[in-house]
Every structure is written in C-alpha cells, then in structure tokens.
C-alpha atoms as a PDB file:
ATOM      1  CA  MET A   1      -0.127   0.107   0.071  1.00  0.00           C
ATOM      2  CA  LEU A   2       1.878   3.131   1.444  1.00  0.00           C
ATOM      3  CA  LYS A   3       5.769   3.364   1.042  1.00  0.00           C
ATOM      4  CA  LEU A   4       8.389   5.658   3.170  1.00  0.00           C
ATOM      5  CA  ILE A   5      11.662   6.325   2.740  1.00  0.00           C
ATOM      6  CA  ASN A   6      14.716   6.221   5.543  1.00  0.00           C
ATOM      7  CA  GLN A   7      15.356  10.289   7.131  1.00  0.00           C
ATOM      8  CA  SER A   8      17.988  10.828   3.857  1.00  0.00           C
ATOM      9  CA  GLY A   9      15.372  10.210   1.667  1.00  0.00           C
ATOM     10  CA  VAL A  10      11.539  11.667   0.692  1.00  0.00           C
ATOM     11  CA  LYS A  11       9.042   9.015   1.333  1.00  0.00           C
ATOM     12  CA  VAL A  12       5.732   8.384  -0.748  1.00  0.00           C
ATOM     13  CA  LEU A  13       2.340   8.250  -1.299  1.00  0.00           C
ATOM     14  CA  PRO A  14      -0.184   9.474  -4.253  1.00  0.00           C
ATOM     15  CA  ILE A  15      -0.850  11.388  -7.559  1.00  0.00           C
ATOM     16  CA  ILE A  16       0.577  12.298 -11.394  1.00  0.00           C
ATOM     17  CA  SER A  17       2.772  12.179 -15.269  1.00  0.00           C
ATOM     18  CA  LEU A  18       2.038  14.105 -18.763  1.00  0.00           C
ATOM     19  CA  LEU A  19      -1.372  13.761 -20.490  1.00  0.00           C
ATOM     20  CA  LEU A  20      -0.363  11.901 -24.194  1.00  0.00           C
ATOM     21  CA  THR A  21      -1.579  13.353 -26.881  1.00  0.00           C
ATOM     22  CA  LEU A  22      -2.474  12.392 -29.968  1.00  0.00           C
ATOM     23  CA  VAL A  23      -2.316  14.596 -33.297  1.00  0.00           C
ATOM     24  CA  CYS A  24      -3.889  14.217 -36.244  1.00  0.00           C
ATOM     25  CA  MET A  25      -2.774  15.147 -39.627  1.00  0.00           C
ATOM     26  CA  SER A  26      -5.371  17.379 -41.959  1.00  0.00           C
ATOM     27  CA  TYR A  27      -4.255  18.208 -45.024  1.00  0.00           C
ATOM     28  CA  SER A  28      -5.916  20.921 -47.045  1.00  0.00           C
ATOM     29  CA  PRO A  29      -6.553  20.700 -51.226  1.00  0.00           C
ATOM     30  CA  THR A  30      -4.289  23.106 -52.575  1.00  0.00           C
ATOM     31  CA  LEU A  31      -7.493  25.932 -54.627  1.00  0.00           C
ATOM     32  CA  LEU A  32      -7.640  27.388 -58.235  1.00  0.00           C
ATOM     33  CA  ALA A  33      -6.519  30.755 -58.622  1.00  0.00           C
ATOM     34  CA  GLN A  34      -9.319  33.414 -59.316  1.00  0.00           C
ATOM     35  CA  SER A  35     -11.956  33.725 -61.919  1.00  0.00           C
ATOM     36  CA  GLY A  36     -10.737  34.010 -65.368  1.00  0.00           C
ATOM     37  CA  LYS A  37      -7.151  33.000 -64.326  1.00  0.00           C
ATOM     38  CA  GLY A  38      -5.797  29.621 -65.020  1.00  0.00           C
ATOM     39  CA  ALA A  39      -8.130  29.544 -67.983  1.00  0.00           C
ATOM     40  CA  GLY A  40      -7.053  26.830 -70.545  1.00  0.00           C
ATOM     41  CA  GLN A  41      -4.559  25.897 -68.317  1.00  0.00           C
ATOM     42  CA  GLN A  42      -4.928  21.517 -66.395  1.00  0.00           C
ATOM     43  CA  PRO A  43      -6.511  21.278 -63.426  1.00  0.00           C
ATOM     44  CA  PRO A  44      -4.074  20.357 -61.029  1.00  0.00           C
ATOM     45  CA  PRO A  45      -4.395  16.413 -60.290  1.00  0.00           C
ATOM     46  CA  PRO A  46      -6.572  15.372 -58.134  1.00  0.00           C
ATOM     47  CA  GLN A  47      -5.082  14.681 -54.282  1.00  0.00           C
ATOM     48  CA  GLU A  48      -4.751  10.585 -53.407  1.00  0.00           C
ATOM     49  CA  PRO A  49      -7.318  11.149 -50.256  1.00  0.00           C
ATOM     50  CA  THR A  50      -5.281  10.685 -46.732  1.00  0.00           C
ATOM     51  CA  PRO A  51      -6.084   7.564 -45.420  1.00  0.00           C
ATOM     52  CA  PRO A  52      -7.728   6.614 -42.573  1.00  0.00           C
ATOM     53  CA  PRO A  53      -6.798   6.208 -39.389  1.00  0.00           C
ATOM     54  CA  THR A  54      -5.483   2.577 -39.366  1.00  0.00           C
ATOM     55  CA  PRO A  55      -7.529   0.874 -36.267  1.00  0.00           C
ATOM     56  CA  GLN A  56      -6.095  -0.918 -33.489  1.00  0.00           C
ATOM     57  CA  PRO A  57      -5.220  -3.828 -33.634  1.00  0.00           C
ATOM     58  CA  GLN A  58      -8.029  -6.460 -32.274  1.00  0.00           C
ATOM     59  CA  GLN A  59      -4.768  -8.438 -29.955  1.00  0.00           C
ATOM     60  CA  SER A  60      -4.164  -4.892 -28.965  1.00  0.00           C
ATOM     61  CA  GLN A  61      -7.465  -4.619 -28.093  1.00  0.00           C
ATOM     62  CA  GLU A  62      -7.836  -7.632 -26.117  1.00  0.00           C
ATOM     63  CA  ALA A  63      -4.414  -7.347 -24.033  1.00  0.00           C
ATOM     64  CA  ASP A  64      -5.606  -3.897 -22.496  1.00  0.00           C
ATOM     65  CA  ALA A  65      -9.386  -5.063 -21.813  1.00  0.00           C
ATOM     66  CA  ARG A  66      -7.466  -7.343 -20.144  1.00  0.00           C
ATOM     67  CA  ALA A  67      -5.350  -5.878 -18.047  1.00  0.00           C
ATOM     68  CA  GLU A  68      -8.489  -3.431 -16.928  1.00  0.00           C
ATOM     69  CA  GLN A  69     -10.242  -6.722 -16.430  1.00  0.00           C
ATOM     70  CA  ILE A  70      -7.462  -7.696 -13.649  1.00  0.00           C
ATOM     71  CA  LEU A  71      -7.184  -3.809 -12.347  1.00  0.00           C
ATOM     72  CA  GLN A  72     -11.642  -4.535 -11.230  1.00  0.00           C
ATOM     73  CA  ARG A  73      -9.745  -8.308 -10.405  1.00  0.00           C
ATOM     74  CA  ALA A  74      -7.714  -6.281  -7.479  1.00  0.00           C
ATOM     75  CA  ILE A  75      -9.992  -3.515  -6.085  1.00  0.00           C
ATOM     76  CA  GLU A  76     -12.524  -6.399  -5.550  1.00  0.00           C
ATOM     77  CA  ALA A  77      -9.776  -8.541  -3.447  1.00  0.00           C
ATOM     78  CA  LEU A  78      -8.817  -5.269  -1.100  1.00  0.00           C
ATOM     79  CA  GLY A  79     -12.379  -4.493   0.114  1.00  0.00           C
ATOM     80  CA  GLY A  80     -13.824  -3.381  -3.546  1.00  0.00           C
ATOM     81  CA  GLY A  81     -16.531  -0.256  -2.576  1.00  0.00           C
ATOM     82  CA  ASN A  82     -15.137  -0.518   1.006  1.00  0.00           C
ATOM     83  CA  PHE A  83     -11.222  -0.061  -0.760  1.00  0.00           C
ATOM     84  CA  LEU A  84     -12.109   2.833  -3.330  1.00  0.00           C
ATOM     85  CA  LYS A  85     -14.011   5.058  -0.210  1.00  0.00           C
ATOM     86  CA  ILE A  86     -10.790   5.116   1.468  1.00  0.00           C
ATOM     87  CA  ASN A  87     -10.486   9.277   2.632  1.00  0.00           C
ATOM     88  CA  THR A  88      -7.561   8.605   5.462  1.00  0.00           C
ATOM     89  CA  ILE A  89      -5.400   6.763   6.827  1.00  0.00           C
ATOM     90  CA  ILE A  90      -2.765   6.380  10.309  1.00  0.00           C
ATOM     91  CA  GLY A  91      -0.454   3.765   9.957  1.00  0.00           C
ATOM     92  CA  ARG A  92       2.272   2.671  12.856  1.00  0.00           C
ATOM     93  CA  GLY A  93       5.252   0.491  12.376  1.00  0.00           C
ATOM     94  CA  GLN A  94       8.706  -0.215  12.374  1.00  0.00           C
ATOM     95  CA  TYR A  95      11.415   1.043   9.447  1.00  0.00           C
ATOM     96  CA  THR A  96      14.059  -1.323   8.669  1.00  0.00           C
ATOM     97  CA  PRO A  97      16.637  -0.210   6.380  1.00  0.00           C
ATOM     98  CA  PHE A  98      19.117  -2.730   4.788  1.00  0.00           C
ATOM     99  CA  LYS A  99      22.319  -2.106   3.903  1.00  0.00           C
ATOM    100  CA  ASN A 100      24.231  -4.874   1.329  1.00  0.00           C
ATOM    101  CA  GLY A 101      21.114  -7.033   2.121  1.00  0.00           C
ATOM    102  CA  ASP A 102      21.383  -7.084   5.728  1.00  0.00           C
ATOM    103  CA  SER A 103      19.259  -5.002   7.846  1.00  0.00           C
ATOM    104  CA  GLY A 104      19.943  -2.663  10.548  1.00  0.00           C
ATOM    105  CA  ILE A 105      17.677  -1.017  13.382  1.00  0.00           C
ATOM    106  CA  PRO A 106      14.176  -0.410  13.261  1.00  0.00           C
ATOM    107  CA  THR A 107      13.096   2.282  13.189  1.00  0.00           C
ATOM    108  CA  ALA A 108       8.911   3.450  14.479  1.00  0.00           C
ATOM    109  CA  PHE A 109       6.966   5.509  12.404  1.00  0.00           C
ATOM    110  CA  ILE A 110       3.394   7.060  12.296  1.00  0.00           C
ATOM    111  CA  ASP A 111       2.223   7.656   8.493  1.00  0.00           C
ATOM    112  CA  TYR A 112      -1.203  10.126   7.997  1.00  0.00           C
ATOM    113  CA  VAL A 113      -2.457  10.055   4.795  1.00  0.00           C
ATOM    114  CA  VAL A 114      -4.875  12.689   3.118  1.00  0.00           C
ATOM    115  CA  TYR A 115      -6.724  11.371   0.211  1.00  0.00           C
ATOM    116  CA  PRO A 116      -5.929  12.827  -2.853  1.00  0.00           C
ATOM    117  CA  ASP A 117      -1.681  14.264  -1.549  1.00  0.00           C
ATOM    118  CA  ARG A 118      -1.398  15.370   1.579  1.00  0.00           C
ATOM    119  CA  GLU A 119       0.983  13.077   4.248  1.00  0.00           C
ATOM    120  CA  ARG A 120       3.410  13.463   7.220  1.00  0.00           C
ATOM    121  CA  THR A 121       5.003  10.530   8.386  1.00  0.00           C
ATOM    122  CA  GLU A 122       6.872  10.579  11.790  1.00  0.00           C
ATOM    123  CA  PHE A 123      10.479   8.381  12.438  1.00  0.00           C
ATOM    124  CA  ARG A 124      10.882   8.339  16.211  1.00  0.00           C
ATOM    125  CA  GLY A 125      14.220   6.740  17.347  1.00  0.00           C
ATOM    126  CA  GLY A 126      16.395   6.761  20.187  1.00  0.00           C
ATOM    127  CA  GLY A 127      14.492  10.037  21.797  1.00  0.00           C
ATOM    128  CA  VAL A 128      15.397  12.076  18.087  1.00  0.00           C
ATOM    129  CA  ARG A 129      11.902  13.162  16.380  1.00  0.00           C
ATOM    130  CA  THR A 130      12.039  13.444  12.662  1.00  0.00           C
ATOM    131  CA  ILE A 131       8.834  14.652  10.106  1.00  0.00           C
ATOM    132  CA  GLN A 132       8.194  14.515   6.623  1.00  0.00           C
ATOM    133  CA  VAL A 133       5.135  16.363   5.316  1.00  0.00           C
ATOM    134  CA  ASN A 134       3.949  16.375   2.021  1.00  0.00           C
ATOM    135  CA  ALA A 135       0.897  18.623   1.096  1.00  0.00           C
ATOM    136  CA  GLY A 136       0.659  19.154  -2.797  1.00  0.00           C
ATOM    137  CA  GLU A 137       3.361  21.424  -4.194  1.00  0.00           C
ATOM    138  CA  THR A 138       4.828  21.637  -0.738  1.00  0.00           C
ATOM    139  CA  GLY A 139       6.585  20.124   1.428  1.00  0.00           C
ATOM    140  CA  TRP A 140       8.956  20.656   5.057  1.00  0.00           C
ATOM    141  CA  ILE A 141      10.865  18.853   7.221  1.00  0.00           C
ATOM    142  CA  TYR A 142      12.389  18.678  10.617  1.00  0.00           C
ATOM    143  CA  ASP A 143      15.215  17.808  12.020  1.00  0.00           C
ATOM    144  CA  GLY A 144      15.159  16.938  15.912  1.00  0.00           C
ATOM    145  CA  ALA A 145      18.732  16.096  16.642  1.00  0.00           C
ATOM    146  CA  ALA A 146      19.759  19.591  14.769  1.00  0.00           C
ATOM    147  CA  ARG A 147      16.570  21.056  15.823  1.00  0.00           C
ATOM    148  CA  SER A 148      15.554  22.150  12.634  1.00  0.00           C
ATOM    149  CA  LEU A 149      12.908  23.637  10.317  1.00  0.00           C
ATOM    150  CA  LYS A 150      13.600  23.507   6.364  1.00  0.00           C
ATOM    151  CA  ASP A 151      11.326  23.419   2.915  1.00  0.00           C
ATOM    152  CA  MET A 152      11.982  20.817   1.030  1.00  0.00           C
ATOM    153  CA  THR A 153      13.853  21.126  -2.263  1.00  0.00           C
ATOM    154  CA  ARG A 154      11.788  20.771  -5.539  1.00  0.00           C
ATOM    155  CA  GLU A 155      14.043  17.789  -6.456  1.00  0.00           C
ATOM    156  CA  GLN A 156      12.701  16.347  -3.002  1.00  0.00           C
ATOM    157  CA  VAL A 157       9.099  17.371  -3.870  1.00  0.00           C
ATOM    158  CA  GLU A 158       9.831  15.515  -7.601  1.00  0.00           C
ATOM    159  CA  ASP A 159      10.587  12.269  -5.707  1.00  0.00           C
ATOM    160  CA  PHE A 160       7.336  12.134  -3.869  1.00  0.00           C
ATOM    161  CA  ARG A 161       5.323  12.800  -7.459  1.00  0.00           C
ATOM    162  CA  PHE A 162       7.744  10.064  -8.960  1.00  0.00           C
ATOM    163  CA  ASN A 163       6.628   7.571  -5.498  1.00  0.00           C
ATOM    164  CA  ILE A 164       2.791   8.502  -5.812  1.00  0.00           C
ATOM    165  CA  ARG A 165       2.777   7.136  -9.812  1.00  0.00           C
ATOM    166  CA  THR A 166       4.592   3.656  -8.401  1.00  0.00           C
ATOM    167  CA  ASN A 167       1.910   3.257  -6.002  1.00  0.00           C
ATOM    168  CA  VAL A 168      -0.966   0.122  -5.888  1.00  0.00           C
ATOM    169  CA  GLU A 169      -3.371   2.990  -4.934  1.00  0.00           C
ATOM    170  CA  ASN A 170      -2.776   5.367  -7.202  1.00  0.00           C
ATOM    171  CA  LEU A 171      -3.294   2.947  -9.704  1.00  0.00           C
ATOM    172  CA  LEU A 172      -5.790   0.847  -8.480  1.00  0.00           C
ATOM    173  CA  ARG A 173      -8.538   4.339  -8.071  1.00  0.00           C
ATOM    174  CA  GLY A 174      -7.771   5.836 -12.136  1.00  0.00           C
ATOM    175  CA  SER A 175      -5.477   8.589 -11.086  1.00  0.00           C
ATOM    176  CA  TRP A 176      -3.628   7.485 -14.235  1.00  0.00           C
ATOM    177  CA  ARG A 177      -6.334   8.161 -16.026  1.00  0.00           C
ATOM    178  CA  LYS A 178      -6.549  11.859 -15.725  1.00  0.00           C
ATOM    179  CA  GLU A 179      -3.592  12.375 -16.716  1.00  0.00           C
ATOM    180  CA  GLY A 180      -3.383  10.699 -19.881  1.00  0.00           C
ATOM    181  CA  ALA A 181      -1.143   7.093 -18.802  1.00  0.00           C
ATOM    182  CA  ARG A 182      -1.529   4.341 -21.285  1.00  0.00           C
ATOM    183  CA  LEU A 183      -2.451   0.768 -19.717  1.00  0.00           C
ATOM    184  CA  SER A 184      -1.676  -2.210 -21.100  1.00  0.00           C
ATOM    185  CA  TYR A 185      -0.839  -5.894 -20.485  1.00  0.00           C
ATOM    186  CA  ALA A 186       2.663  -6.970 -19.904  1.00  0.00           C
ATOM    187  CA  GLY A 187       1.693 -11.043 -19.269  1.00  0.00           C
ATOM    188  CA  ARG A 188       2.040 -13.574 -16.580  1.00  0.00           C
ATOM    189  CA  ARG A 189       5.286 -14.550 -14.773  1.00  0.00           C
ATOM    190  CA  GLU A 190       6.322 -16.748 -12.158  1.00  0.00           C
ATOM    191  CA  ALA A 191       6.139 -16.086  -8.571  1.00  0.00           C
ATOM    192  CA  GLY A 192       7.541 -18.872  -7.511  1.00  0.00           C
ATOM    193  CA  ILE A 193       6.322 -22.402  -7.307  1.00  0.00           C
ATOM    194  CA  GLY A 194       3.186 -23.658  -8.029  1.00  0.00           C
ATOM    195  CA  ARG A 195       2.858 -19.727  -8.575  1.00  0.00           C
ATOM    196  CA  ARG A 196       1.967 -17.191 -11.590  1.00  0.00           C
ATOM    197  CA  ASN A 197       1.181 -13.716 -11.201  1.00  0.00           C
ATOM    198  CA  GLU A 198      -0.815 -11.224 -13.784  1.00  0.00           C
ATOM    199  CA  THR A 199       0.987  -8.089 -14.655  1.00  0.00           C
ATOM    200  CA  VAL A 200       0.057  -4.855 -15.977  1.00  0.00           C
ATOM    201  CA  ARG A 201       2.507  -2.298 -17.355  1.00  0.00           C
ATOM    202  CA  LEU A 202       1.630   1.774 -17.021  1.00  0.00           C
ATOM    203  CA  THR A 203       3.398   4.238 -19.769  1.00  0.00           C
ATOM    204  CA  TYR A 204       3.212   7.471 -19.193  1.00  0.00           C
ATOM    205  CA  GLY A 205       3.595  10.409 -22.055  1.00  0.00           C
ATOM    206  CA  ASP A 206       7.588  11.021 -20.785  1.00  0.00           C
ATOM    207  CA  GLY A 207       8.168   7.564 -20.996  1.00  0.00           C
ATOM    208  CA  MET A 208       8.086   6.383 -17.419  1.00  0.00           C
ATOM    209  CA  SER A 209       6.938   2.379 -17.148  1.00  0.00           C
ATOM    210  CA  VAL A 210       5.596   0.976 -13.826  1.00  0.00           C
ATOM    211  CA  GLU A 211       4.937  -2.620 -13.945  1.00  0.00           C
ATOM    212  CA  PHE A 212       2.013  -3.715 -11.142  1.00  0.00           C
ATOM    213  CA  GLU A 213       1.926  -7.805 -10.288  1.00  0.00           C
ATOM    214  CA  PHE A 214      -0.789  -9.170  -9.599  1.00  0.00           C
ATOM    215  CA  GLY A 215      -1.666 -12.611  -7.818  1.00  0.00           C
ATOM    216  CA  ALA A 216      -2.872 -14.941 -10.380  1.00  0.00           C
ATOM    217  CA  LYS A 217      -5.078 -16.866  -8.153  1.00  0.00           C
ATOM    218  CA  ASP A 218      -5.647 -14.196  -5.612  1.00  0.00           C
ATOM    219  CA  GLY A 219      -6.018 -11.489  -7.520  1.00  0.00           C
ATOM    220  CA  LEU A 220      -3.940  -9.707  -4.997  1.00  0.00           C
ATOM    221  CA  PRO A 221      -0.632  -6.404  -5.330  1.00  0.00           C
ATOM    222  CA  ALA A 222       2.341  -8.290  -4.996  1.00  0.00           C
ATOM    223  CA  LYS A 223       5.237  -6.407  -7.256  1.00  0.00           C
ATOM    224  CA  VAL A 224       5.192  -3.148  -8.175  1.00  0.00           C
ATOM    225  CA  LEU A 225       8.553  -2.719 -10.716  1.00  0.00           C
ATOM    226  CA  TYR A 226       9.960   0.338 -12.335  1.00  0.00           C
ATOM    227  CA  GLN A 227      13.969   1.880 -12.896  1.00  0.00           C
ATOM    228  CA  ARG A 228      14.938   5.546 -11.273  1.00  0.00           C
ATOM    229  CA  LYS A 229      17.904   7.273 -11.559  1.00  0.00           C
ATOM    230  CA  ASN A 230      21.334   6.911  -9.183  1.00  0.00           C
ATOM    231  CA  ALA A 231      23.435   9.761  -8.966  1.00  0.00           C
ATOM    232  CA  GLU A 232      25.432   9.227 -11.435  1.00  0.00           C
ATOM    233  CA  GLY A 233      21.973   9.340 -14.304  1.00  0.00           C
ATOM    234  CA  GLN A 234      21.972   5.918 -15.056  1.00  0.00           C
ATOM    235  CA  ASP A 235      18.286   3.642 -14.741  1.00  0.00           C
ATOM    236  CA  VAL A 236      18.553   1.167 -11.665  1.00  0.00           C
ATOM    237  CA  PRO A 237      15.927  -1.305 -11.422  1.00  0.00           C
ATOM    238  CA  GLU A 238      14.078  -0.955  -7.815  1.00  0.00           C
ATOM    239  CA  GLU A 239      11.349  -3.393  -6.948  1.00  0.00           C
ATOM    240  CA  ASP A 240       8.476  -2.697  -4.636  1.00  0.00           C
ATOM    241  CA  ARG A 241       7.172  -6.502  -3.031  1.00  0.00           C
ATOM    242  CA  LEU A 242       3.649  -6.750  -1.238  1.00  0.00           C
ATOM    243  CA  ALA A 243       2.851 -10.265   2.042  1.00  0.00           C
ATOM    244  CA  GLN A 244       1.195 -10.631   4.930  1.00  0.00           C
ATOM    245  CA  TYR A 245      -2.132  -9.247   3.907  1.00  0.00           C
ATOM    246  CA  ILE A 246      -4.350  -8.833   6.409  1.00  0.00           C
ATOM    247  CA  THR A 247      -8.105  -7.975   6.160  1.00  0.00           C
ATOM    248  CA  LEU A 248      -9.131  -4.652   8.518  1.00  0.00           C
ATOM    249  CA  ASP A 249     -12.893  -3.617   8.820  1.00  0.00           C
ATOM    250  CA  GLY A 250     -13.498  -5.118   5.479  1.00  0.00           C
ATOM    251  CA  ILE A 251     -10.673  -3.491   3.677  1.00  0.00           C
ATOM    252  CA  VAL A 252      -7.132  -6.006   2.794  1.00  0.00           C
ATOM    253  CA  ALA A 253      -4.514  -4.022   3.239  1.00  0.00           C
ATOM    254  CA  PRO A 254      -0.328  -5.472   3.280  1.00  0.00           C
ATOM    255  CA  PHE A 255       0.896  -5.625   6.015  1.00  0.00           C
ATOM    256  CA  VAL A 256       4.696  -5.505   5.252  1.00  0.00           C
ATOM    257  CA  VAL A 257       6.157  -3.467   2.057  1.00  0.00           C
ATOM    258  CA  ASP A 258      10.170  -5.245   1.316  1.00  0.00           C
ATOM    259  CA  HIS A 259      12.172  -2.589  -1.077  1.00  0.00           C
ATOM    260  CA  PHE A 260      14.694  -3.465  -3.480  1.00  0.00           C
ATOM    261  CA  ARG A 261      17.724  -1.537  -5.579  1.00  0.00           C
ATOM    262  CA  ALA A 262      19.297  -3.611  -8.427  1.00  0.00           C
ATOM    263  CA  GLY A 263      17.953  -6.759  -6.906  1.00  0.00           C
ATOM    264  CA  VAL A 264      19.437  -5.953  -3.055  1.00  0.00           C
ATOM    265  CA  GLN A 265      17.406  -5.099  -0.048  1.00  0.00           C
ATOM    266  CA  THR A 266      17.115  -1.340   1.132  1.00  0.00           C
ATOM    267  CA  SER A 267      13.697  -0.889   3.285  1.00  0.00           C
ATOM    268  CA  ARG A 268      11.322  -2.894   5.021  1.00  0.00           C
ATOM    269  CA  ILE A 269       8.053  -1.610   6.252  1.00  0.00           C
ATOM    270  CA  ASN A 270       6.529  -3.588   9.251  1.00  0.00           C
ATOM    271  CA  TYR A 271       3.243  -2.477  10.188  1.00  0.00           C
ATOM    272  CA  GLU A 272       2.153  -3.198  13.340  1.00  0.00           C
ATOM    273  CA  SER A 273      -1.579  -1.333  13.072  1.00  0.00           C
ATOM    274  CA  ILE A 274      -3.654   0.346  10.345  1.00  0.00           C
ATOM    275  CA  GLU A 275      -6.812   2.494  10.881  1.00  0.00           C
ATOM    276  CA  PHE A 276      -8.891   3.585   7.714  1.00  0.00           C
ATOM    277  CA  ASN A 277     -10.783   7.040   7.225  1.00  0.00           C
ATOM    278  CA  VAL A 278     -10.028   8.216  10.897  1.00  0.00           C
ATOM    279  CA  PRO A 279      -9.721  11.657  11.556  1.00  0.00           C
ATOM    280  CA  ILE A 280      -7.114  13.203  11.321  1.00  0.00           C
ATOM    281  CA  ALA A 281      -5.788  17.114  11.722  1.00  0.00           C
ATOM    282  CA  GLU A 282      -5.422  20.115   9.291  1.00  0.00           C
ATOM    283  CA  ALA A 283      -3.187  21.243  11.312  1.00  0.00           C
ATOM    284  CA  LEU A 284      -0.869  17.874  11.147  1.00  0.00           C
ATOM    285  CA  PHE A 285       0.531  19.430   7.012  1.00  0.00           C
ATOM    286  CA  THR A 286      -0.106  22.905   8.097  1.00  0.00           C
ATOM    287  CA  ARG A 287       4.094  24.218   8.480  1.00  0.00           C
ATOM    288  CA  PRO A 288       4.989  26.043  11.931  1.00  0.00           C
ATOM    289  CA  ALA A 289       6.053  29.486  11.448  1.00  0.00           C
ATOM    290  CA  ASN A 290       9.675  27.758  12.996  1.00  0.00           C
ATOM    291  CA  ALA A 291      11.013  24.514  15.218  1.00  0.00           C
ATOM    292  CA  LYS A 292      10.776  25.578  18.549  1.00  0.00           C
ATOM    293  CA  ALA A 293       6.559  25.546  16.850  1.00  0.00           C
ATOM    294  CA  VAL A 294       6.614  21.885  15.690  1.00  0.00           C
ATOM    295  CA  LYS A 295       3.976  19.479  17.809  1.00  0.00           C
END
C-alpha cells in the first residue's frame, strides 16, 4: 500500500503524469486561382485522399481489456467499495533500513495520509523525532536532532511525485487516467513454485513505465517494478514486494512492504496497525512558524 523512505530521502504516497496527446494530421487541397485566371490550363492532378487512421489491432484491444479486468479483480480482492471509499489512513509500525542486504536498527514510525495528496510521516528513534510532510506541491522537513525546520527542495518534491506514480493506490484509484497514462497487459510471470502473477504496465507520456504484478489466484497486488536514476544519471531497477495481507473493517491491506534496488533489499516496512477513515487534523500538514513550534 504505502511506501516510506528513510530520513535521508523522501517518503511516499499518491498522483501525476504528463498528458498523452494524439496529433491528427489534416490535409488542405490546393485551390485554383481567382475566376478568369488559369483558363485553358490543365487542372491540377487529383490529390490522394487522406487515409483513415489505422485501427488498433484486435490483439492489442484484447490485451488492454484484460489489463482492466485485472485491476477490477484487484479492487474486489482488496475490499471493493470499502477500498475505494478510503479517505484517510493512519499507519503505525517499524521501518528497517538494509545495507548490503543486512538489516539495520528498526525505527518506529507513524504515517498520516489524506487523499489525494497529503502525507505526514514521523520517525522516532533514540529519543529523536524526524517529520516529513508533503501537501500537494509543497513540503517541509523537521530534523529533531538538529532542531531545524526546512522546506523541501524542488528535487525532493519531484521525488515524492515520482513515487506517487509507483503506488498501487494510484493505479487502482485511477488518478493516472486524468494524466493520460496508458494501461496495457504485460503477461503472466513466475512467482515461485506453483505460483504465477498477472502483470499490467502503466506508460506515461514522458516515457516512464511502471509494472504492477497481481497474484493470478488471489488477485492481490504482489510487486511493483520500475526504474529510478542514480546520482550518475543511470537507470537502476527498483522493486516493491507486498506481503502479509490482513483484513481490517472489510479492507485487505499488506502489513509488510520490502523495497529492493538493483536486486538488493534496502528497506522493510512492517505495519503494526492500520486505521482507515479516521479524522486527521489539518494542522498536522501546516508548516510551523519555526522549529520550536513543531508539535
């Protein structure tokens, strides 16, 4: 469901993409000169009619329809109408960073989400609290160790928006449709002994693509695969794996989310509790006047 990042990065939640544009080419035939001019001249050769648009192959249409069916099945598996009616989420648990595949020291977190585009995540460890807040196009970070309060940089806000594209909720709640992204079926894949995953792909207008895998038997989200550029500008594969689904108030949610980068695990989110549609105060997302005013 949700994705968090350690204190050195920017965390995640839901929106965004570029609008795909279809350009229709039109043809205007050459007109004859004014009356009286051009008499006795040969008329211009007839112009070839503009060919009609090439229809989408039947196979492609069927694949897209299959992708839509996979999404609908996933929505039903996660709770159907109950899932789609989620407005807020409060999640509590442990965030564990990994280095070279080895787990580090867990940090307690509490995550507040208000759809469509607000999130506040608090990390607590060693008596220090760190807060990361995103609200639309803005965000701020409170560093309890340094007792500093700073606005997020443009790069950090863009990173948040990038992560929204890779979020399962963004896929299933359909925010990508308003941005013109294209959904397609990407086939069935191995997922362990006797298990298969159905895969769909979202392709955005800027070329970014994200693949989502769903269990062929249960229809639940299993993996999210995409690429992110590293410091050298190279594309590095990343992957989120969702597991340990639990039903709460008619909604099915994953309680474990593992993140991999270049095939090596970099973090684990382990939820201890998740609450849906609980009122969340607007003040939690409002930037305080200074670090001393942070609550």
